[in-house]
Amino acid sequence: MDASIDPQWQGNEDWVKFGLGTYLGFPLFYGDQVVGTVCALHDKPYDFYQGDPAAYEQLTKLKQQLEQSMLGD
């Protein structure tokens, strides 16, 4: 994803202030409520799905582990 051409990031404070190039984020749920995120940032555009699928999978697993931990499982 290239944050510089994504309309959702235009004018975003993080993109403007830090020169954000890529954001990959997963919401953390506690029940049906979002309580945080697991995310990866980079200053250059990067496609995690194509470039580093292992990192994408690790972040997905971390999200699941954190959610299970919050629920006490």
N, C-alpha and C. Protein backbone atom coordinates (compact mmCIF):
# COMPACT_ATOMS: atom_id res chain seq x y z
N MET A 1 0.84 -1.18 0.00
CA MET A 1 0.00 0.00 0.00
C MET A 1 0.88 1.23 0.00
N ASP A 2 0.51 2.21 -0.77
CA ASP A 2 1.24 3.47 -0.84
C ASP A 2 0.36 4.56 -0.23
N ALA A 3 0.69 4.97 0.98
CA ALA A 3 -0.13 5.96 1.69
C ALA A 3 -0.19 7.29 0.95
N SER A 4 0.82 7.59 0.14
CA SER A 4 0.84 8.89 -0.55
C SER A 4 -0.24 8.99 -1.62
N ILE A 5 -0.77 7.86 -2.10
CA ILE A 5 -1.82 7.91 -3.12
C ILE A 5 -3.15 7.36 -2.61
N ASP A 6 -3.21 6.94 -1.36
CA ASP A 6 -4.44 6.41 -0.78
C ASP A 6 -5.27 7.58 -0.24
N PRO A 7 -6.49 7.78 -0.76
CA PRO A 7 -7.32 8.91 -0.32
C PRO A 7 -7.59 8.92 1.19
N GLN A 8 -7.60 7.75 1.83
CA GLN A 8 -7.86 7.69 3.27
C GLN A 8 -6.75 8.35 4.08
N TRP A 9 -5.54 8.45 3.52
CA TRP A 9 -4.41 9.01 4.25
C TRP A 9 -4.14 10.48 3.91
N GLN A 10 -4.78 11.02 2.90
CA GLN A 10 -4.54 12.40 2.51
C GLN A 10 -4.86 13.35 3.66
N GLY A 11 -3.87 14.13 4.07
CA GLY A 11 -4.04 15.07 5.16
C GLY A 11 -3.95 14.46 6.54
N ASN A 12 -3.76 13.14 6.63
CA ASN A 12 -3.63 12.49 7.93
C ASN A 12 -2.39 13.01 8.65
N GLU A 13 -2.53 13.33 9.92
CA GLU A 13 -1.43 13.91 10.69
C GLU A 13 -0.18 13.03 10.70
N ASP A 14 -0.34 11.72 10.83
CA ASP A 14 0.82 10.82 10.84
C ASP A 14 1.53 10.81 9.49
N TRP A 15 0.75 10.79 8.42
CA TRP A 15 1.35 10.78 7.09
C TRP A 15 2.12 12.08 6.86
N VAL A 16 1.51 13.19 7.22
CA VAL A 16 2.14 14.50 7.01
C VAL A 16 3.36 14.67 7.91
N LYS A 17 3.23 14.38 9.19
CA LYS A 17 4.29 14.63 10.16
C LYS A 17 5.47 13.67 10.02
N PHE A 18 5.19 12.40 9.80
CA PHE A 18 6.24 11.39 9.80
C PHE A 18 6.60 10.87 8.41
N GLY A 19 5.90 11.31 7.38
CA GLY A 19 6.18 10.81 6.05
C GLY A 19 5.82 9.34 5.91
N LEU A 20 4.72 8.96 6.50
CA LEU A 20 4.29 7.57 6.49
C LEU A 20 4.10 7.08 5.06
N GLY A 21 4.74 5.96 4.73
CA GLY A 21 4.61 5.37 3.39
C GLY A 21 3.69 4.17 3.38
N THR A 22 3.68 3.41 4.48
CA THR A 22 2.88 2.19 4.57
C THR A 22 2.33 2.03 5.98
N TYR A 23 1.09 1.61 6.04
CA TYR A 23 0.46 1.26 7.31
C TYR A 23 -0.28 -0.05 7.11
N LEU A 24 0.00 -1.00 7.97
CA LEU A 24 -0.75 -2.25 7.99
C LEU A 24 -1.28 -2.41 9.40
N GLY A 25 -2.58 -2.45 9.56
CA GLY A 25 -3.15 -2.52 10.90
C GLY A 25 -4.29 -3.51 11.01
N PHE A 26 -4.37 -4.11 12.19
CA PHE A 26 -5.43 -5.05 12.52
C PHE A 26 -6.08 -4.57 13.81
N PRO A 27 -7.40 -4.41 13.85
CA PRO A 27 -8.06 -4.01 15.09
C PRO A 27 -8.03 -5.14 16.12
N LEU A 28 -7.87 -4.75 17.38
CA LEU A 28 -7.95 -5.71 18.49
C LEU A 28 -9.35 -5.59 19.10
N PHE A 29 -10.02 -6.72 19.19
CA PHE A 29 -11.36 -6.74 19.75
C PHE A 29 -11.36 -7.37 21.13
N TYR A 30 -12.14 -6.77 22.01
CA TYR A 30 -12.48 -7.38 23.30
C TYR A 30 -13.99 -7.52 23.26
N GLY A 31 -14.45 -8.73 23.02
CA GLY A 31 -15.87 -8.92 22.75
C GLY A 31 -16.19 -8.29 21.41
N ASP A 32 -17.16 -7.39 21.40
CA ASP A 32 -17.50 -6.72 20.14
C ASP A 32 -16.97 -5.29 20.09
N GLN A 33 -16.05 -4.95 20.98
CA GLN A 33 -15.52 -3.59 21.06
C GLN A 33 -14.06 -3.55 20.62
N VAL A 34 -13.71 -2.58 19.78
CA VAL A 34 -12.32 -2.38 19.38
C VAL A 34 -11.60 -1.66 20.52
N VAL A 35 -10.48 -2.26 20.99
CA VAL A 35 -9.75 -1.69 22.12
C VAL A 35 -8.31 -1.30 21.77
N GLY A 36 -7.91 -1.53 20.54
CA GLY A 36 -6.55 -1.18 20.12
C GLY A 36 -6.25 -1.73 18.75
N THR A 37 -4.98 -1.67 18.38
CA THR A 37 -4.55 -2.20 17.10
C THR A 37 -3.19 -2.88 17.23
N VAL A 38 -2.94 -3.79 16.32
CA VAL A 38 -1.60 -4.32 16.07
C VAL A 38 -1.25 -3.77 14.70
N CYS A 39 -0.13 -3.05 14.61
CA CYS A 39 0.16 -2.42 13.33
C CYS A 39 1.65 -2.40 13.02
N ALA A 40 1.92 -2.23 11.73
CA ALA A 40 3.28 -2.08 11.23
C ALA A 40 3.31 -0.83 10.36
N LEU A 41 4.36 -0.03 10.53
CA LEU A 41 4.51 1.22 9.79
C LEU A 41 5.86 1.24 9.09
N HIS A 42 5.92 1.96 7.99
CA HIS A 42 7.20 2.16 7.30
C HIS A 42 7.15 3.50 6.59
N ASP A 43 8.31 4.09 6.39
CA ASP A 43 8.34 5.40 5.74
C ASP A 43 8.31 5.31 4.21
N LYS A 44 8.33 4.10 3.67
CA LYS A 44 8.26 3.90 2.22
C LYS A 44 7.07 2.99 1.88
N PRO A 45 6.51 3.15 0.68
CA PRO A 45 5.44 2.24 0.27
C PRO A 45 5.92 0.79 0.27
N TYR A 46 5.09 -0.11 0.75
CA TYR A 46 5.46 -1.52 0.82
C TYR A 46 4.20 -2.37 0.81
N ASP A 47 4.23 -3.45 0.08
CA ASP A 47 3.09 -4.37 0.00
C ASP A 47 3.40 -5.61 0.82
N PHE A 48 2.88 -5.67 2.03
CA PHE A 48 3.14 -6.81 2.91
C PHE A 48 2.59 -8.12 2.32
N TYR A 49 1.48 -8.04 1.61
CA TYR A 49 0.86 -9.25 1.07
C TYR A 49 1.78 -9.93 0.07
N GLN A 50 2.43 -9.13 -0.78
CA GLN A 50 3.33 -9.68 -1.80
C GLN A 50 4.78 -9.75 -1.32
N GLY A 51 5.23 -8.71 -0.62
CA GLY A 51 6.65 -8.59 -0.26
C GLY A 51 7.09 -9.41 0.92
N ASP A 52 6.22 -9.57 1.92
CA ASP A 52 6.61 -10.31 3.12
C ASP A 52 5.38 -10.97 3.74
N PRO A 53 4.86 -12.00 3.08
CA PRO A 53 3.66 -12.64 3.63
C PRO A 53 3.88 -13.24 5.01
N ALA A 54 5.12 -13.61 5.35
CA ALA A 54 5.39 -14.17 6.69
C ALA A 54 5.15 -13.11 7.76
N ALA A 55 5.55 -11.88 7.51
CA ALA A 55 5.32 -10.79 8.47
C ALA A 55 3.82 -10.55 8.64
N TYR A 56 3.09 -10.59 7.54
CA TYR A 56 1.64 -10.42 7.58
C TYR A 56 1.02 -11.52 8.45
N GLU A 57 1.45 -12.75 8.24
CA GLU A 57 0.94 -13.88 9.02
C GLU A 57 1.29 -13.75 10.50
N GLN A 58 2.51 -13.29 10.80
CA GLN A 58 2.92 -13.13 12.20
C GLN A 58 2.08 -12.07 12.90
N LEU A 59 1.80 -10.97 12.21
CA LEU A 59 0.95 -9.93 12.81
C LEU A 59 -0.46 -10.45 13.03
N THR A 60 -0.96 -11.24 12.10
CA THR A 60 -2.29 -11.83 12.25
C THR A 60 -2.33 -12.75 13.47
N LYS A 61 -1.31 -13.58 13.63
CA LYS A 61 -1.25 -14.49 14.79
C LYS A 61 -1.12 -13.71 16.10
N LEU A 62 -0.31 -12.64 16.09
CA LEU A 62 -0.16 -11.81 17.28
C LEU A 62 -1.51 -11.21 17.68
N LYS A 63 -2.25 -10.71 16.71
CA LYS A 63 -3.58 -10.16 16.98
C LYS A 63 -4.46 -11.21 17.65
N GLN A 64 -4.47 -12.42 17.11
CA GLN A 64 -5.29 -13.49 17.66
C GLN A 64 -4.86 -13.86 19.08
N GLN A 65 -3.55 -13.92 19.31
CA GLN A 65 -3.04 -14.26 20.64
C GLN A 65 -3.41 -13.19 21.66
N LEU A 66 -3.29 -11.93 21.27
CA LEU A 66 -3.65 -10.85 22.19
C LEU A 66 -5.13 -10.88 22.54
N GLU A 67 -5.96 -11.11 21.54
CA GLU A 67 -7.40 -11.18 21.80
C GLU A 67 -7.74 -12.35 22.73
N GLN A 68 -7.13 -13.49 22.51
CA GLN A 68 -7.37 -14.64 23.38
C GLN A 68 -6.89 -14.37 24.80
N SER A 69 -5.75 -13.70 24.92
CA SER A 69 -5.20 -13.37 26.23
C SER A 69 -6.13 -12.43 26.99
N MET A 70 -6.69 -11.45 26.30
CA MET A 70 -7.61 -10.51 26.95
C MET A 70 -8.86 -11.22 27.45
N LEU A 71 -9.28 -12.25 26.74
CA LEU A 71 -10.48 -12.99 27.14
C LEU A 71 -10.19 -14.04 28.20
N GLY A 72 -8.89 -14.25 28.48
CA GLY A 72 -8.52 -15.20 29.51
C GLY A 72 -8.48 -16.64 29.06
N ASP A 73 -8.46 -16.87 27.74
CA ASP A 73 -8.41 -18.25 27.20
C ASP A 73 -6.99 -18.76 27.16
